Amino acid sequence: MRHGPAVRRRKLGEELRGLRLGAGLTSREAARLVGWHQSKVSRIETGTSGVKPADVVRLLDAYDVTDARLRELLEALAGSAGGGGTGWWHAYRGVIPPQYRDFISLESQASAARTLETSVVPGLLQTPDYARAVTRSALDGVPAATVDSLVEVRLARQEVLHAERPLTLSAVLDEAVLRRQVGGRGVMRGQLARVLEQAQLPHVRLQVLPFSTGGYAGLTGPFVIFSFPATSDLDVVVLDHLTSSLYLERKEDLEAYGAAFRTMQAHALSFQDSLDLIAGIADGA
């Protein structure tokens, strides 16, 4: 288990090494092509040092990589792996902790996310009022200005669902998420209406695990699986805790969480039945 930048560096390095080998180059030959010492190429490929997006571009040019989507992804990964970057979230670096910035960076680069939520509505689907209520509850005593900034960040994150190439979101929600009166009845009524509205997007699929399911694989805590375009080798599982996040990147971890998510989808209500349940709860809210 590693923190976000370390995961990004290692996975970026592995991908660059694979591209170098695919181009039929040794690390010494690659270094000579870009005017570096061989040790720099080795450090990048082993993930022991960060790499600037501009340096990734030089390597990709040397390896004759023309896939625009892959180039874009690897350049972005360099920014989130300790090699700089200018994502919008950097404007909030004095407000949000590094692990949250790492999470947002992953989310902004991913092509798909599979998430299990056991207590709150996924951040990408939250209304401003609900987001403010959740933030105040989780960070009791934080100044109002800080809460406002955190809500701004939450709402800005939601742009990934409305981008030219939107994130594909598959969410499984415990029924408790829908029935917990976060912020009061009026806030919840508005929040459930937003969930129903966003569920109509073609790239959003929601399912509810009803109380009648009993115990299930993810009952002990929420998680997110991020998948990336062009290669599955960059996929990562994120486990969110109160003061930190853990990133799982081993193949066996990805397989275990992927299997658990598929099992929960199989036991959850169908898409339409889930929407019907949400609408029914909203009517009684």
Protein backbone atom coordinates (compact mmCIF):
# COMPACT_ATOMS: atom_id res chain seq x y z
CA MET A 1 0.00 0.00 0.00
CA ARG A 2 1.36 3.40 -0.98
CA HIS A 3 0.34 7.02 -1.08
CA GLY A 4 -0.86 8.55 -4.35
CA PRO A 5 2.36 10.08 -5.78
CA ALA A 6 4.40 6.92 -5.12
CA VAL A 7 1.80 4.79 -6.90
CA ARG A 8 1.72 7.18 -9.83
CA ARG A 9 5.53 7.30 -10.12
CA ARG A 10 5.91 3.53 -10.08
CA LYS A 11 3.12 2.89 -12.54
CA LEU A 12 4.24 5.69 -14.84
CA GLY A 13 7.76 4.28 -14.75
CA GLU A 14 6.54 0.79 -15.62
CA GLU A 15 4.54 2.13 -18.56
CA LEU A 16 7.50 4.14 -19.88
CA ARG A 17 9.76 1.12 -19.55
CA GLY A 18 7.29 -0.97 -21.55
CA LEU A 19 7.15 1.67 -24.27
CA ARG A 20 10.95 1.82 -24.40
CA LEU A 21 11.22 -1.94 -24.75
CA GLY A 22 8.49 -1.86 -27.38
CA ALA A 23 10.61 0.61 -29.33
CA GLY A 24 13.54 -1.83 -29.15
CA LEU A 25 15.75 0.51 -27.12
CA THR A 26 18.02 -0.10 -24.16
CA SER A 27 17.97 2.43 -21.34
CA ARG A 28 21.40 3.63 -22.46
CA GLU A 29 20.14 4.19 -26.02
CA ALA A 30 17.04 5.99 -24.76
CA ALA A 31 19.15 8.26 -22.56
CA ARG A 32 21.41 9.13 -25.47
CA LEU A 33 18.41 10.03 -27.66
CA VAL A 34 17.11 12.57 -25.14
CA GLY A 35 20.50 13.79 -23.93
CA TRP A 36 20.36 12.38 -20.40
CA HIS A 37 22.51 10.13 -18.29
CA GLN A 38 21.33 6.51 -18.20
CA SER A 39 20.75 6.76 -14.43
CA LYS A 40 17.97 9.33 -14.97
CA VAL A 41 16.07 6.96 -17.24
CA SER A 42 16.54 4.18 -14.66
CA ARG A 43 15.28 6.34 -11.78
CA ILE A 44 12.20 7.30 -13.78
CA GLU A 45 11.43 3.71 -14.75
CA THR A 46 11.79 2.41 -11.19
CA GLY A 47 9.68 5.24 -9.78
CA THR A 48 12.41 6.43 -7.43
CA SER A 49 12.18 10.00 -8.71
CA GLY A 50 9.51 12.19 -10.21
CA VAL A 51 9.47 13.19 -13.86
CA LYS A 52 8.23 16.43 -15.36
CA PRO A 53 5.51 16.28 -18.03
CA ALA A 54 7.93 17.88 -20.48
CA ASP A 55 10.42 15.06 -19.90
CA VAL A 56 7.68 12.48 -20.51
CA VAL A 57 7.01 14.19 -23.85
CA ARG A 58 10.70 13.85 -24.77
CA LEU A 59 10.67 10.14 -23.96
CA LEU A 60 7.44 9.51 -25.86
CA ASP A 61 8.87 11.31 -28.88
CA ALA A 62 12.01 9.18 -28.66
CA TYR A 63 9.86 6.03 -28.50
CA ASP A 64 7.72 7.16 -31.47
CA VAL A 65 4.52 7.01 -29.40
CA THR A 66 1.77 8.62 -31.48
CA ASP A 67 -1.36 7.57 -29.54
CA ALA A 68 -2.69 10.99 -28.50
CA ARG A 69 -4.84 9.62 -25.66
CA LEU A 70 -1.96 7.65 -24.16
CA ARG A 71 0.39 10.63 -24.45
CA GLU A 72 -2.14 12.87 -22.72
CA LEU A 73 -2.62 10.38 -19.91
CA LEU A 74 1.08 9.83 -19.25
CA GLU A 75 1.79 13.57 -19.27
CA ALA A 76 -1.01 14.10 -16.75
CA LEU A 77 0.26 11.26 -14.57
CA ALA A 78 3.67 12.92 -14.43
CA GLY A 79 2.01 15.96 -12.91
CA SER A 80 0.31 13.90 -10.18
CA ALA A 81 3.40 11.80 -9.45
CA GLY A 82 5.54 14.53 -8.00
CA GLY A 83 6.66 16.06 -11.27
CA GLY A 84 4.66 19.29 -11.11
CA GLY A 85 1.33 20.00 -12.73
CA THR A 86 -1.21 22.78 -12.94
CA GLY A 87 -4.58 21.11 -12.29
CA TRP A 88 -7.33 23.44 -11.06
CA TRP A 89 -7.13 21.86 -7.59
CA HIS A 90 -3.67 23.34 -7.02
CA ALA A 91 -5.39 26.69 -6.42
CA TYR A 92 -6.81 25.11 -3.23
CA ARG A 93 -3.53 23.64 -1.97
CA GLY A 94 -3.76 25.78 1.17
CA VAL A 95 -7.19 24.32 1.97
CA ILE A 96 -7.18 20.67 0.92
CA PRO A 97 -4.58 18.15 2.16
CA PRO A 98 -2.13 16.47 -0.24
CA GLN A 99 -3.97 13.13 -0.19
CA TYR A 100 -7.18 14.84 -1.32
CA ARG A 101 -5.30 16.57 -4.14
CA ASP A 102 -3.92 13.16 -5.15
CA PHE A 103 -7.44 11.73 -5.21
CA ILE A 104 -8.77 14.60 -7.34
CA SER A 105 -5.85 14.22 -9.74
CA LEU A 106 -6.60 10.53 -10.20
CA GLU A 107 -10.30 11.24 -10.66
CA SER A 108 -9.61 13.89 -13.29
CA GLN A 109 -7.42 11.52 -15.33
CA ALA A 110 -9.52 8.37 -15.02
CA SER A 111 -11.85 7.14 -17.73
CA ALA A 112 -14.04 5.19 -15.29
CA ALA A 113 -14.72 4.88 -11.57
CA ARG A 114 -16.46 2.13 -9.67
CA THR A 115 -17.45 3.17 -6.17
CA LEU A 116 -19.13 1.62 -3.16
CA GLU A 117 -20.65 4.12 -0.74
CA THR A 118 -21.91 2.96 2.65
CA SER A 119 -22.71 6.23 4.42
CA VAL A 120 -22.85 9.30 2.14
CA VAL A 121 -23.85 10.14 -1.43
CA PRO A 122 -20.82 10.04 -3.79
CA GLY A 123 -19.13 13.42 -3.97
CA LEU A 124 -19.68 13.64 -7.72
CA LEU A 125 -23.45 13.59 -7.16
CA GLN A 126 -23.77 15.87 -4.14
CA THR A 127 -25.75 19.12 -4.06
CA PRO A 128 -24.11 22.22 -2.53
CA ASP A 129 -26.34 22.03 0.56
CA TYR A 130 -25.66 18.35 1.11
CA ALA A 131 -21.92 18.82 0.54
CA ARG A 132 -21.89 21.65 3.08
CA ALA A 133 -23.75 19.55 5.65
CA VAL A 134 -21.40 16.60 5.17
CA THR A 135 -18.33 18.84 5.43
CA ARG A 136 -19.55 20.53 8.60
CA SER A 137 -20.29 17.17 10.21
CA ALA A 138 -16.95 15.62 9.24
CA LEU A 139 -14.88 18.71 10.15
CA ASP A 140 -16.58 20.07 13.23
CA GLY A 141 -15.29 23.50 14.23
CA VAL A 142 -13.71 24.39 10.87
CA PRO A 143 -14.17 28.08 9.91
CA ALA A 144 -17.10 28.85 7.60
CA ALA A 145 -14.73 30.19 4.92
CA THR A 146 -12.87 26.87 4.84
CA VAL A 147 -16.15 24.96 4.57
CA ASP A 148 -17.15 27.17 1.64
CA SER A 149 -13.84 26.45 -0.12
CA LEU A 150 -14.19 22.72 0.40
CA VAL A 151 -17.71 22.81 -1.03
CA GLU A 152 -16.33 24.70 -4.05
CA VAL A 153 -13.81 21.92 -4.56
CA ARG A 154 -16.53 19.28 -4.30
CA LEU A 155 -18.63 21.02 -6.94
CA ALA A 156 -15.64 21.63 -9.24
CA ARG A 157 -14.86 17.91 -9.15
CA GLN A 158 -18.27 17.20 -10.65
CA GLU A 159 -17.16 18.65 -13.98
CA VAL A 160 -15.64 15.25 -14.84
CA LEU A 161 -19.19 14.02 -15.44
CA HIS A 162 -19.85 16.77 -17.95
CA ALA A 163 -16.53 16.91 -19.79
CA GLU A 164 -16.13 16.25 -23.50
CA ARG A 165 -14.95 12.77 -22.53
CA PRO A 166 -16.87 12.26 -19.28
CA LEU A 167 -15.94 9.89 -16.52
CA THR A 168 -18.00 6.69 -16.55
CA LEU A 169 -19.36 6.30 -13.02
CA SER A 170 -20.73 3.04 -11.64
CA ALA A 171 -21.93 3.42 -8.07
CA VAL A 172 -23.38 0.95 -5.60
CA LEU A 173 -25.08 2.69 -2.67
CA ASP A 174 -26.05 1.13 0.63
CA GLU A 175 -29.70 1.96 1.36
CA ALA A 176 -28.46 3.76 4.49
CA VAL A 177 -26.95 6.43 2.22
CA LEU A 178 -30.42 7.34 1.02
CA ARG A 179 -32.18 7.29 4.38
CA ARG A 180 -29.65 9.14 6.54
CA GLN A 181 -31.04 12.66 7.06
CA VAL A 182 -27.86 14.61 6.37
CA GLY A 183 -28.66 18.31 6.71
CA GLY A 184 -32.33 17.71 7.43
CA ARG A 185 -35.36 16.66 5.40
CA GLY A 186 -35.27 19.55 2.93
CA VAL A 187 -31.60 19.01 2.10
CA MET A 188 -32.15 15.28 1.64
CA ARG A 189 -35.16 15.83 -0.60
CA GLY A 190 -33.07 18.02 -2.87
CA GLN A 191 -30.16 15.58 -2.75
CA LEU A 192 -32.26 12.58 -3.74
CA ALA A 193 -33.73 14.59 -6.62
CA ARG A 194 -30.19 15.35 -7.79
CA VAL A 195 -29.24 11.66 -7.64
CA LEU A 196 -32.25 10.78 -9.79
CA GLU A 197 -31.38 13.55 -12.25
CA GLN A 198 -27.72 12.55 -12.58
CA ALA A 199 -28.67 8.89 -12.97
CA GLN A 200 -30.20 9.82 -16.32
CA LEU A 201 -26.75 10.58 -17.74
CA PRO A 202 -25.73 7.76 -20.12
CA HIS A 203 -22.36 7.33 -18.40
CA VAL A 204 -23.76 7.11 -14.84
CA ARG A 205 -25.15 3.85 -13.47
CA LEU A 206 -26.50 3.62 -9.93
CA GLN A 207 -27.61 0.57 -7.99
CA VAL A 208 -28.84 0.29 -4.42
CA LEU A 209 -28.02 -2.47 -1.97
CA PRO A 210 -31.23 -2.70 0.08
CA PHE A 211 -31.24 -3.48 3.79
CA SER A 212 -32.74 -6.87 2.93
CA THR A 213 -29.40 -7.89 1.40
CA GLY A 214 -27.95 -8.27 4.88
CA GLY A 215 -24.18 -8.48 5.05
CA TYR A 216 -22.05 -7.99 1.94
CA ALA A 217 -18.40 -7.84 0.92
CA GLY A 218 -17.96 -4.08 1.22
CA LEU A 219 -19.92 -3.56 4.43
CA THR A 220 -16.78 -2.61 6.35
CA GLY A 221 -16.02 0.46 4.28
CA PRO A 222 -16.32 2.40 1.01
CA PHE A 223 -13.80 2.23 -1.82
CA VAL A 224 -13.21 3.54 -5.32
CA ILE A 225 -11.59 1.73 -8.25
CA PHE A 226 -10.18 4.11 -10.85
CA SER A 227 -9.57 2.82 -14.38
CA PHE A 228 -7.60 4.66 -17.02
CA PRO A 229 -7.77 4.84 -20.81
CA ALA A 230 -5.26 3.04 -23.04
CA THR A 231 -3.97 0.67 -20.36
CA SER A 232 -5.34 -1.24 -17.36
CA ASP A 233 -1.88 -1.35 -15.77
CA LEU A 234 -2.54 2.05 -14.21
CA ASP A 235 -5.75 1.07 -12.38
CA VAL A 236 -5.79 1.73 -8.64
CA VAL A 237 -8.07 1.14 -5.64
CA VAL A 238 -8.48 4.00 -3.16
CA LEU A 239 -9.55 3.38 0.43
CA ASP A 240 -10.55 6.61 2.15
CA HIS A 241 -10.07 7.08 5.87
CA LEU A 242 -10.78 10.01 8.18
CA THR A 243 -7.25 11.46 8.03
CA SER A 244 -5.62 9.68 5.09
CA SER A 245 -6.12 7.58 1.97
CA LEU A 246 -4.52 4.29 0.99
CA TYR A 247 -3.81 3.30 -2.60
CA LEU A 248 -3.77 -0.37 -3.61
CA GLU A 249 -2.11 -1.16 -6.91
CA ARG A 250 -1.13 -4.83 -6.78
CA LYS A 251 -2.79 -7.05 -9.34
CA GLU A 252 -4.27 -9.30 -6.65
CA ASP A 253 -5.77 -6.28 -4.84
CA LEU A 254 -7.33 -4.97 -8.05
CA GLU A 255 -8.76 -8.40 -8.83
CA ALA A 256 -10.15 -8.83 -5.31
CA TYR A 257 -11.87 -5.44 -5.23
CA GLY A 258 -13.08 -5.81 -8.81
CA ALA A 259 -14.63 -9.17 -7.95
CA ALA A 260 -16.21 -7.75 -4.79
CA PHE A 261 -17.75 -4.89 -6.77
CA ARG A 262 -19.19 -7.27 -9.36
CA THR A 263 -20.68 -9.39 -6.58
CA MET A 264 -22.30 -6.35 -4.99
CA GLN A 265 -23.72 -5.30 -8.36
CA ALA A 266 -25.21 -8.77 -8.74
CA HIS A 267 -26.87 -8.59 -5.31
CA ALA A 268 -28.03 -4.98 -5.65
CA LEU A 269 -31.35 -3.90 -7.10
CA SER A 270 -31.49 -3.43 -10.84
CA PHE A 271 -30.91 0.06 -12.22
CA GLN A 272 -34.61 0.77 -12.65
CA ASP A 273 -35.63 -0.78 -9.32
CA SER A 274 -32.91 1.29 -7.66
CA LEU A 275 -34.30 4.49 -9.16
CA ASP A 276 -37.80 3.51 -8.09
CA LEU A 277 -36.60 2.99 -4.51
CA ILE A 278 -34.79 6.33 -4.49
CA ALA A 279 -37.90 8.09 -5.83
CA GLY A 280 -40.04 6.43 -3.18
CA ILE A 281 -37.68 7.53 -0.39
CA ALA A 282 -37.61 11.04 -1.85
CA ASP A 283 -41.42 11.21 -1.82
CA GLY A 284 -41.42 10.40 1.89
CA ALA A 285 -38.50 12.63 2.78
